PDB file of N, CA and C in Angstrom:
ATOM      1  N   UNK A   1      97.419 104.372 119.713  1.00  0.00           N
ATOM      2  CA  UNK A   1      97.629 105.770 119.297  1.00  0.00           C
ATOM      3  C   UNK A   1      99.044 106.171 119.669  1.00  0.00           C
ATOM      4  N   UNK A   2      99.589 107.101 118.925  1.00  0.00           N
ATOM      5  CA  UNK A   2     100.976 107.480 119.092  1.00  0.00           C
ATOM      6  C   UNK A   2     101.256 108.627 120.047  1.00  0.00           C
ATOM      7  N   UNK A   3     100.236 109.205 120.647  1.00  0.00           N
ATOM      8  CA  UNK A   3     100.467 110.306 121.526  1.00  0.00           C
ATOM      9  C   UNK A   3     101.069 109.702 122.840  1.00  0.00           C
ATOM     10  N   UNK A   4     102.194 110.250 123.193  1.00  0.00           N
ATOM     11  CA  UNK A   4     102.879 109.739 124.360  1.00  0.00           C
ATOM     12  C   UNK A   4     102.555 110.579 125.566  1.00  0.00           C
ATOM     13  N   UNK A   5     102.711 109.947 126.751  1.00  0.00           N
ATOM     14  CA  UNK A   5     102.490 110.719 127.995  1.00  0.00           C
ATOM     15  C   UNK A   5     103.535 111.780 128.136  1.00  0.00           C
ATOM     16  N   UNK A   6     103.124 112.865 128.766  1.00  0.00           N
ATOM     17  CA  UNK A   6     104.033 113.989 128.917  1.00  0.00           C
ATOM     18  C   UNK A   6     105.174 113.602 129.837  1.00  0.00           C
ATOM     19  N   UNK A   7     106.335 114.053 129.586  1.00  0.00           N
ATOM     20  CA  UNK A   7     107.486 113.736 130.373  1.00  0.00           C
ATOM     21  C   UNK A   7     107.939 114.990 131.123  1.00  0.00           C
ATOM     22  N   UNK A   8     108.921 114.896 131.929  1.00  0.00           N
ATOM     23  CA  UNK A   8     109.420 116.034 132.720  1.00  0.00           C
ATOM     24  C   UNK A   8     109.938 117.117 131.807  1.00  0.00           C
ATOM     25  N   UNK A   9     110.522 116.776 130.731  1.00  0.00           N
ATOM     26  CA  UNK A   9     110.990 117.777 129.790  1.00  0.00           C
ATOM     27  C   UNK A   9     110.085 117.765 128.532  1.00  0.00           C
ATOM     28  N   UNK A  10     110.088 118.851 127.873  1.00  0.00           N
ATOM     29  CA  UNK A  10     109.228 118.888 126.654  1.00  0.00           C
ATOM     30  C   UNK A  10     110.015 119.457 125.520  1.00  0.00           C
ATOM     31  N   UNK A  11     109.680 119.046 124.295  1.00  0.00           N
ATOM     32  CA  UNK A  11     110.263 119.576 123.102  1.00  0.00           C
ATOM     33  C   UNK A  11     109.671 120.958 122.778  1.00  0.00           C
ATOM     34  N   UNK A  12     110.268 121.644 121.859  1.00  0.00           N
ATOM     35  CA  UNK A  12     109.789 122.938 121.503  1.00  0.00           C
ATOM     36  C   UNK A  12     109.844 123.144 120.035  1.00  0.00           C
ATOM     37  N   UNK A  13     108.759 123.656 119.475  1.00  0.00           N
ATOM     38  CA  UNK A  13     108.674 124.074 118.100  1.00  0.00           C
ATOM     39  C   UNK A  13     108.512 125.582 118.009  1.00  0.00           C
ATOM     40  N   UNK A  14     109.180 126.193 117.097  1.00  0.00           N
ATOM     41  CA  UNK A  14     108.987 127.566 116.790  1.00  0.00           C
ATOM     42  C   UNK A  14     108.933 127.734 115.334  1.00  0.00           C
ATOM     43  N   UNK A  15     107.946 128.458 114.811  1.00  0.00           N
ATOM     44  CA  UNK A  15     107.813 128.664 113.399  1.00  0.00           C
ATOM     45  C   UNK A  15     107.140 129.982 113.147  1.00  0.00           C
ATOM     46  N   UNK A  16     107.393 130.514 111.987  1.00  0.00           N
ATOM     47  CA  UNK A  16     106.810 131.805 111.625  1.00  0.00           C
ATOM     48  C   UNK A  16     105.616 131.587 110.774  1.00  0.00           C
ATOM     49  N   UNK A  17     104.586 132.463 110.849  1.00  0.00           N
ATOM     50  CA  UNK A  17     103.408 132.388 110.063  1.00  0.00           C
ATOM     51  C   UNK A  17     103.148 133.793 109.548  1.00  0.00           C
ATOM     52  N   UNK A  18     102.374 133.880 108.431  1.00  0.00           N
ATOM     53  CA  UNK A  18     101.958 135.201 107.924  1.00  0.00           C
ATOM     54  C   UNK A  18     101.095 135.885 108.966  1.00  0.00           C
ATOM     55  N   UNK A  19     101.097 137.186 109.041  1.00  0.00           N
ATOM     56  CA  UNK A  19     100.275 137.917 110.027  1.00  0.00           C
ATOM     57  C   UNK A  19      98.807 137.504 109.932  1.00  0.00           C
ATOM     58  N   UNK A  20      98.234 137.396 108.717  1.00  0.00           N
ATOM     59  CA  UNK A  20      96.811 137.024 108.649  1.00  0.00           C
ATOM     60  C   UNK A  20      96.552 135.605 109.234  1.00  0.00           C
ATOM     61  N   UNK A  21      97.469 134.716 109.033  1.00  0.00           N
ATOM     62  CA  UNK A  21      97.282 133.363 109.608  1.00  0.00           C
ATOM     63  C   UNK A  21      97.391 133.413 111.134  1.00  0.00           C
ATOM     64  N   UNK A  22      98.329 134.170 111.640  1.00  0.00           N
ATOM     65  CA  UNK A  22      98.439 134.364 113.106  1.00  0.00           C
ATOM     66  C   UNK A  22      97.149 134.921 113.650  1.00  0.00           C
ATOM     67  N   UNK A  23      96.561 135.940 112.975  1.00  0.00           N
ATOM     68  CA  UNK A  23      95.327 136.513 113.422  1.00  0.00           C
ATOM     69  C   UNK A  23      94.186 135.481 113.385  1.00  0.00           C
ATOM     70  N   UNK A  24      94.134 134.674 112.369  1.00  0.00           N
ATOM     71  CA  UNK A  24      93.100 133.646 112.235  1.00  0.00           C
ATOM     72  C   UNK A  24      93.214 132.627 113.358  1.00  0.00           C
ATOM     73  N   UNK A  25      94.463 132.158 113.625  1.00  0.00           N
ATOM     74  CA  UNK A  25      94.627 131.186 114.714  1.00  0.00           C
ATOM     75  C   UNK A  25      94.222 131.764 116.007  1.00  0.00           C
ATOM     76  N   UNK A  26      94.631 133.020 116.311  1.00  0.00           N
ATOM     77  CA  UNK A  26      94.262 133.679 117.551  1.00  0.00           C
ATOM     78  C   UNK A  26      92.734 133.821 117.677  1.00  0.00           C
ATOM     79  N   UNK A  27      92.119 134.176 116.558  1.00  0.00           N
ATOM     80  CA  UNK A  27      90.626 134.331 116.572  1.00  0.00           C
ATOM     81  C   UNK A  27      89.961 133.024 116.847  1.00  0.00           C
ATOM     82  N   UNK A  28      90.348 131.976 116.168  1.00  0.00           N
ATOM     83  CA  UNK A  28      89.713 130.638 116.344  1.00  0.00           C
ATOM     84  C   UNK A  28      90.045 130.114 117.739  1.00  0.00           C
ATOM     85  N   UNK A  29      91.262 130.332 118.200  1.00  0.00           N
ATOM     86  CA  UNK A  29      91.587 129.827 119.571  1.00  0.00           C
ATOM     87  C   UNK A  29      90.676 130.504 120.586  1.00  0.00           C
ATOM     88  N   UNK A  30      90.446 131.805 120.438  1.00  0.00           N
ATOM     89  CA  UNK A  30      89.571 132.496 121.387  1.00  0.00           C
ATOM     90  C   UNK A  30      88.130 131.974 121.371  1.00  0.00           C
ATOM     91  N   UNK A  31      87.700 131.526 120.157  1.00  0.00           N
ATOM     92  CA  UNK A  31      86.345 130.945 120.051  1.00  0.00           C
ATOM     93  C   UNK A  31      86.267 129.616 120.786  1.00  0.00           C
ATOM     94  N   UNK A  32      87.348 128.901 120.915  1.00  0.00           N
ATOM     95  CA  UNK A  32      87.373 127.588 121.558  1.00  0.00           C
ATOM     96  C   UNK A  32      87.936 127.713 122.982  1.00  0.00           C
ATOM     97  N   UNK A  33      88.125 128.966 123.431  1.00  0.00           N
ATOM     98  CA  UNK A  33      88.575 129.202 124.800  1.00  0.00           C
ATOM     99  C   UNK A  33      89.974 128.546 125.075  1.00  0.00           C
ATOM    100  N   UNK A  34      90.838 128.701 124.049  1.00  0.00           N
ATOM    101  CA  UNK A  34      92.185 128.158 124.198  1.00  0.00           C
ATOM    102  C   UNK A  34      93.179 129.302 123.902  1.00  0.00           C
ATOM    103  N   UNK A  35      94.420 129.079 124.325  1.00  0.00           N
ATOM    104  CA  UNK A  35      95.429 130.031 123.855  1.00  0.00           C
ATOM    105  C   UNK A  35      95.816 129.618 122.426  1.00  0.00           C
ATOM    106  N   UNK A  36      96.401 130.562 121.747  1.00  0.00           N
ATOM    107  CA  UNK A  36      96.832 130.286 120.393  1.00  0.00           C
ATOM    108  C   UNK A  36      97.812 129.121 120.309  1.00  0.00           C
ATOM    109  N   UNK A  37      98.725 129.053 121.331  1.00  0.00           N
ATOM    110  CA  UNK A  37      99.681 127.945 121.358  1.00  0.00           C
ATOM    111  C   UNK A  37      98.978 126.593 121.597  1.00  0.00           C
ATOM    112  N   UNK A  38      98.004 126.602 122.515  1.00  0.00           N
ATOM    113  CA  UNK A  38      97.307 125.357 122.791  1.00  0.00           C
ATOM    114  C   UNK A  38      96.542 124.909 121.533  1.00  0.00           C
ATOM    115  N   UNK A  39      95.872 125.857 120.902  1.00  0.00           N
ATOM    116  CA  UNK A  39      95.111 125.507 119.666  1.00  0.00           C
ATOM    117  C   UNK A  39      96.062 124.960 118.574  1.00  0.00           C
ATOM    118  N   UNK A  40      97.130 125.649 118.339  1.00  0.00           N
ATOM    119  CA  UNK A  40      98.046 125.223 117.262  1.00  0.00           C
ATOM    120  C   UNK A  40      98.688 123.867 117.599  1.00  0.00           C
ATOM    121  N   UNK A  41      99.030 123.666 118.870  1.00  0.00           N
ATOM    122  CA  UNK A  41      99.635 122.370 119.282  1.00  0.00           C
ATOM    123  C   UNK A  41      98.630 121.262 119.107  1.00  0.00           C
ATOM    124  N   UNK A  42      97.401 121.477 119.567  1.00  0.00           N
ATOM    125  CA  UNK A  42      96.351 120.451 119.394  1.00  0.00           C
ATOM    126  C   UNK A  42      96.098 120.161 117.943  1.00  0.00           C
ATOM    127  N   UNK A  43      95.986 121.146 117.087  1.00  0.00           N
ATOM    128  CA  UNK A  43      95.790 120.925 115.653  1.00  0.00           C
ATOM    129  C   UNK A  43      96.918 120.137 115.089  1.00  0.00           C
ATOM    130  N   UNK A  44      98.151 120.455 115.448  1.00  0.00           N
ATOM    131  CA  UNK A  44      99.313 119.725 114.938  1.00  0.00           C
ATOM    132  C   UNK A  44      99.299 118.315 115.400  1.00  0.00           C
ATOM    133  N   UNK A  45      98.965 118.042 116.680  1.00  0.00           N
ATOM    134  CA  UNK A  45      98.874 116.713 117.232  1.00  0.00           C
ATOM    135  C   UNK A  45      97.854 115.895 116.468  1.00  0.00           C
ATOM    136  N   UNK A  46      96.655 116.449 116.278  1.00  0.00           N
ATOM    137  CA  UNK A  46      95.551 115.731 115.611  1.00  0.00           C
ATOM    138  C   UNK A  46      95.961 115.352 114.149  1.00  0.00           C
ATOM    139  N   UNK A  47      96.590 116.341 113.477  1.00  0.00           N
ATOM    140  CA  UNK A  47      96.991 116.061 112.061  1.00  0.00           C
ATOM    141  C   UNK A  47      98.064 115.022 112.007  1.00  0.00           C
ATOM    142  N   UNK A  48      99.026 115.077 112.954  1.00  0.00           N
ATOM    143  CA  UNK A  48     100.140 114.076 112.963  1.00  0.00           C
ATOM    144  C   UNK A  48      99.546 112.728 113.176  1.00  0.00           C
ATOM    145  N   UNK A  49      98.583 112.508 114.098  1.00  0.00           N
ATOM    146  CA  UNK A  49      97.973 111.245 114.362  1.00  0.00           C
ATOM    147  C   UNK A  49      97.237 110.777 113.130  1.00  0.00           C
ATOM    148  N   UNK A  50      96.488 111.681 112.479  1.00  0.00           N
ATOM    149  CA  UNK A  50      95.729 111.338 111.263  1.00  0.00           C
ATOM    150  C   UNK A  50      96.690 110.847 110.150  1.00  0.00           C
ATOM    151  N   UNK A  51      97.753 111.560 109.884  1.00  0.00           N
ATOM    152  CA  UNK A  51      98.716 111.189 108.843  1.00  0.00           C
ATOM    153  C   UNK A  51      99.336 109.822 109.166  1.00  0.00           C
ATOM    154  N   UNK A  52      99.743 109.661 110.382  1.00  0.00           N
ATOM    155  CA  UNK A  52     100.334 108.399 110.824  1.00  0.00           C
ATOM    156  C   UNK A  52      99.391 107.230 110.670  1.00  0.00           C
ATOM    157  N   UNK A  53      98.125 107.449 111.073  1.00  0.00           N
ATOM    158  CA  UNK A  53      97.158 106.401 110.938  1.00  0.00           C
ATOM    159  C   UNK A  53      96.933 106.032 109.431  1.00  0.00           C
ATOM    160  N   UNK A  54      96.854 106.999 108.599  1.00  0.00           N
ATOM    161  CA  UNK A  54      96.684 106.725 107.201  1.00  0.00           C
ATOM    162  C   UNK A  54      97.968 105.972 106.611  1.00  0.00           C
ATOM    163  N   UNK A  55      99.083 106.390 107.097  1.00  0.00           N
ATOM    164  CA  UNK A  55     100.370 105.741 106.632  1.00  0.00           C
ATOM    165  C   UNK A  55     100.390 104.253 107.066  1.00  0.00           C
ATOM    166  N   UNK A  56      99.958 104.018 108.261  1.00  0.00           N
ATOM    167  CA  UNK A  56     100.052 102.664 108.788  1.00  0.00           C
ATOM    168  C   UNK A  56      98.969 101.731 108.200  1.00  0.00           C
ATOM    169  N   UNK A  57      97.942 102.325 107.573  1.00  0.00           N
ATOM    170  CA  UNK A  57      96.870 101.483 106.974  1.00  0.00           C
ATOM    171  C   UNK A  57      97.295 100.936 105.617  1.00  0.00           C
ATOM    172  N   UNK A  58      98.320 101.516 105.053  1.00  0.00           N
ATOM    173  CA  UNK A  58      98.771 101.067 103.734  1.00  0.00           C
ATOM    174  C   UNK A  58      99.429  99.695 103.876  1.00  0.00           C
ATOM    175  N   UNK A  59      99.067  98.746 103.053  1.00  0.00           N
ATOM    176  CA  UNK A  59      99.692  97.444 103.064  1.00  0.00           C
ATOM    177  C   UNK A  59     100.785  97.437 101.986  1.00  0.00           C
ATOM    178  N   UNK A  60     101.907  97.072 102.331  1.00  0.00           N
ATOM    179  CA  UNK A  60     103.049  97.000 101.369  1.00  0.00           C
ATOM    180  C   UNK A  60     103.353  95.577 101.054  1.00  0.00           C
ATOM    181  N   UNK A  61     103.478  95.310  99.785  1.00  0.00           N
ATOM    182  CA  UNK A  61     103.870  93.960  99.293  1.00  0.00           C
ATOM    183  C   UNK A  61     104.974  94.128  98.243  1.00  0.00           C
ATOM    184  N   UNK A  62     105.741  93.083  98.069  1.00  0.00           N
ATOM    185  CA  UNK A  62     106.829  93.130  97.033  1.00  0.00           C
ATOM    186  C   UNK A  62     106.177  93.367  95.646  1.00  0.00           C
ATOM    187  N   UNK A  63     106.890  94.043  94.770  1.00  0.00           N
ATOM    188  CA  UNK A  63     106.364  94.433  93.461  1.00  0.00           C
ATOM    189  C   UNK A  63     105.929  93.200  92.645  1.00  0.00           C
ATOM    190  N   UNK A  64     106.763  92.102  92.676  1.00  0.00           N
ATOM    191  CA  UNK A  64     106.453  90.961  91.893  1.00  0.00           C
ATOM    192  C   UNK A  64     105.155  90.278  92.380  1.00  0.00           C
ATOM    193  N   UNK A  65     104.952  90.272  93.694  1.00  0.00           N
ATOM    194  CA  UNK A  65     103.689  89.718  94.236  1.00  0.00           C
ATOM    195  C   UNK A  65     102.526  90.522  93.736  1.00  0.00           C
ATOM    196  N   UNK A  66     102.676  91.836  93.768  1.00  0.00           N
ATOM    197  CA  UNK A  66     101.529  92.719  93.316  1.00  0.00           C
ATOM    198  C   UNK A  66     101.255  92.509  91.841  1.00  0.00           C
ATOM    199  N   UNK A  67     102.328  92.402  91.073  1.00  0.00           N
ATOM    200  CA  UNK A  67     102.106  92.174  89.579  1.00  0.00           C
ATOM    201  C   UNK A  67     101.399  90.833  89.334  1.00  0.00           C
ATOM    202  N   UNK A  68     101.808  89.781  90.112  1.00  0.00           N
ATOM    203  CA  UNK A  68     101.170  88.491  89.954  1.00  0.00           C
ATOM    204  C   UNK A  68      99.710  88.499  90.373  1.00  0.00           C
ATOM    205  N   UNK A  69      99.393  89.295  91.413  1.00  0.00           N
ATOM    206  CA  UNK A  69      98.071  89.428  91.870  1.00  0.00           C
ATOM    207  C   UNK A  69      97.173  90.115  90.824  1.00  0.00           C
ATOM    208  N   UNK A  70      97.673  91.189  90.267  1.00  0.00           N
ATOM    209  CA  UNK A  70      96.919  91.921  89.254  1.00  0.00           C
ATOM    210  C   UNK A  70      96.761  90.989  87.964  1.00  0.00           C
ATOM    211  N   UNK A  71      97.761  90.258  87.593  1.00  0.00           N
ATOM    212  CA  UNK A  71      97.647  89.337  86.471  1.00  0.00           C
ATOM    213  C   UNK A  71      96.591  88.294  86.715  1.00  0.00           C
ATOM    214  N   UNK A  72      96.549  87.743  87.922  1.00  0.00           N
ATOM    215  CA  UNK A  72      95.562  86.697  88.260  1.00  0.00           C
ATOM    216  C   UNK A  72      94.109  87.293  88.274  1.00  0.00           C
ATOM    217  N   UNK A  73      93.991  88.540  88.653  1.00  0.00           N
ATOM    218  CA  UNK A  73      92.708  89.160  88.641  1.00  0.00           C
ATOM    219  C   UNK A  73      92.200  89.484  87.198  1.00  0.00           C
ATOM    220  N   UNK A  74      93.185  89.701  86.318  1.00  0.00           N
ATOM    221  CA  UNK A  74      92.862  90.009  84.942  1.00  0.00           C
ATOM    222  C   UNK A  74      92.650  88.726  84.071  1.00  0.00           C
ATOM    223  N   UNK A  75      93.090  87.604  84.588  1.00  0.00           N
ATOM    224  CA  UNK A  75      93.001  86.312  83.833  1.00  0.00           C
ATOM    225  C   UNK A  75      91.583  85.861  83.756  1.00  0.00           C
ATOM    226  N   UNK A  76      91.239  85.145  82.678  1.00  0.00           N
ATOM    227  CA  UNK A  76      89.900  84.641  82.494  1.00  0.00           C
ATOM    228  C   UNK A  76      89.530  83.680  83.620  1.00  0.00           C
ATOM    229  N   UNK A  77      88.298  83.631  84.041  1.00  0.00           N
ATOM    230  CA  UNK A  77      87.870  82.767  85.112  1.00  0.00           C
ATOM    231  C   UNK A  77      87.752  81.325  84.566  1.00  0.00           C
ATOM    232  N   UNK A  78      88.294  80.442  85.332  1.00  0.00           N
ATOM    233  CA  UNK A  78      88.200  79.009  85.002  1.00  0.00           C
ATOM    234  C   UNK A  78      87.500  78.307  86.181  1.00  0.00           C
ATOM    235  N   UNK A  79      86.250  77.954  86.078  1.00  0.00           N
ATOM    236  CA  UNK A  79      85.556  77.373  87.221  1.00  0.00           C
ATOM    237  C   UNK A  79      86.152  75.991  87.573  1.00  0.00           C
ATOM    238  N   UNK A  80      86.243  75.704  88.861  1.00  0.00           N
ATOM    239  CA  UNK A  80      86.731  74.429  89.350  1.00  0.00           C
ATOM    240  C   UNK A  80      85.519  73.463  89.492  1.00  0.00           C
ATOM    241  N   UNK A  81      85.755  72.241  89.933  1.00  0.00           N
ATOM    242  CA  UNK A  81      84.701  71.251  90.017  1.00  0.00           C
ATOM    243  C   UNK A  81      83.635  71.694  91.023  1.00  0.00           C
ATOM    244  N   UNK A  82      84.060  72.202  92.125  1.00  0.00           N
ATOM    245  CA  UNK A  82      83.100  72.602  93.181  1.00  0.00           C
ATOM    246  C   UNK A  82      82.196  73.750  92.684  1.00  0.00           C
ATOM    247  N   UNK A  83      82.744  74.690  91.944  1.00  0.00           N
ATOM    248  CA  UNK A  83      81.964  75.745  91.431  1.00  0.00           C
ATOM    249  C   UNK A  83      80.981  75.228  90.331  1.00  0.00           C
ATOM    250  N   UNK A  84      81.393  74.324  89.544  1.00  0.00           N
ATOM    251  CA  UNK A  84      80.556  73.738  88.494  1.00  0.00           C
ATOM    252  C   UNK A  84      79.396  72.998  89.138  1.00  0.00           C
ATOM    253  N   UNK A  85      79.686  72.207  90.168  1.00  0.00           N
ATOM    254  CA  UNK A  85      78.592  71.500  90.872  1.00  0.00           C
ATOM    255  C   UNK A  85      77.609  72.458  91.572  1.00  0.00           C
ATOM    256  N   UNK A  86      78.146  73.488  92.151  1.00  0.00           N
ATOM    257  CA  UNK A  86      77.290  74.478  92.796  1.00  0.00           C
ATOM    258  C   UNK A  86      76.354  75.208  91.786  1.00  0.00           C
ATOM    259  N   UNK A  87      76.912  75.510  90.596  1.00  0.00           N
ATOM    260  CA  UNK A  87      76.125  76.160  89.621  1.00  0.00           C
ATOM    261  C   UNK A  87      75.009  75.236  89.103  1.00  0.00           C
ATOM    262  N   UNK A  88      75.340  73.908  88.967  1.00  0.00           N
ATOM    263  CA  UNK A  88      74.347  72.930  88.543  1.00  0.00           C
ATOM    264  C   UNK A  88      73.279  72.764  89.580  1.00  0.00           C
ATOM    265  N   UNK A  89      73.646  72.723  90.823  1.00  0.00           N
ATOM    266  CA  UNK A  89      72.665  72.580  91.879  1.00  0.00           C
ATOM    267  C   UNK A  89      71.787  73.837  91.923  1.00  0.00           C
ATOM    268  N   UNK A  90      72.320  75.064  91.756  1.00  0.00           N
ATOM    269  CA  UNK A  90      71.524  76.257  91.719  1.00  0.00           C
ATOM    270  C   UNK A  90      70.527  76.239  90.590  1.00  0.00           C
ATOM    271  N   UNK A  91      70.966  75.776  89.448  1.00  0.00           N
ATOM    272  CA  UNK A  91      70.050  75.677  88.306  1.00  0.00           C
ATOM    273  C   UNK A  91      68.889  74.689  88.620  1.00  0.00           C
ATOM    274  N   UNK A  92      69.152  73.661  89.417  1.00  0.00           N
ATOM    275  CA  UNK A  92      68.092  72.692  89.708  1.00  0.00           C
ATOM    276  C   UNK A  92      67.099  73.208  90.700  1.00  0.00           C
ATOM    277  N   UNK A  93      67.440  74.173  91.508  1.00  0.00           N
ATOM    278  CA  UNK A  93      66.510  74.655  92.562  1.00  0.00           C
ATOM    279  C   UNK A  93      65.889  76.010  92.209  1.00  0.00           C
ATOM    280  N   UNK A  94      66.370  76.687  91.212  1.00  0.00           N
ATOM    281  CA  UNK A  94      65.804  77.945  90.825  1.00  0.00           C
ATOM    282  C   UNK A  94      65.114  77.816  89.482  1.00  0.00           C
ATOM    283  N   UNK A  95      63.830  78.198  89.518  1.00  0.00           N
ATOM    284  CA  UNK A  95      63.074  78.162  88.255  1.00  0.00           C
ATOM    285  C   UNK A  95      63.356  79.410  87.432  1.00  0.00           C
ATOM    286  N   UNK A  96      63.884  79.232  86.312  1.00  0.00           N
ATOM    287  CA  UNK A  96      64.244  80.370  85.457  1.00  0.00           C
ATOM    288  C   UNK A  96      63.079  80.604  84.468  1.00  0.00           C
ATOM    289  N   UNK A  97      62.752  81.833  84.157  1.00  0.00           N
ATOM    290  CA  UNK A  97      61.669  82.114  83.258  1.00  0.00           C
ATOM    291  C   UNK A  97      62.154  82.350  81.874  1.00  0.00           C
TER     292      UNK A  97
END
């Protein structure tokens, strides 16, 4: 997880919100027995971790590799010898109606 341990100094964010949003945050913070600052900071931390986790789950590959992969998935299936033998064996052990 990306949350780092607190250090001796801390960063600071300041931003403006509409009055109705400020009231909403203060109301919800009081319901959770937190200050508005603590609630907003926690919400921002949780969202940041969520976005980072989603971003890191994405697998990136070169475009030509991806195009070749899609082309191979779209290509008609050509069974190999092992698959042909397995299908024949399956037919011999399963009674079809």
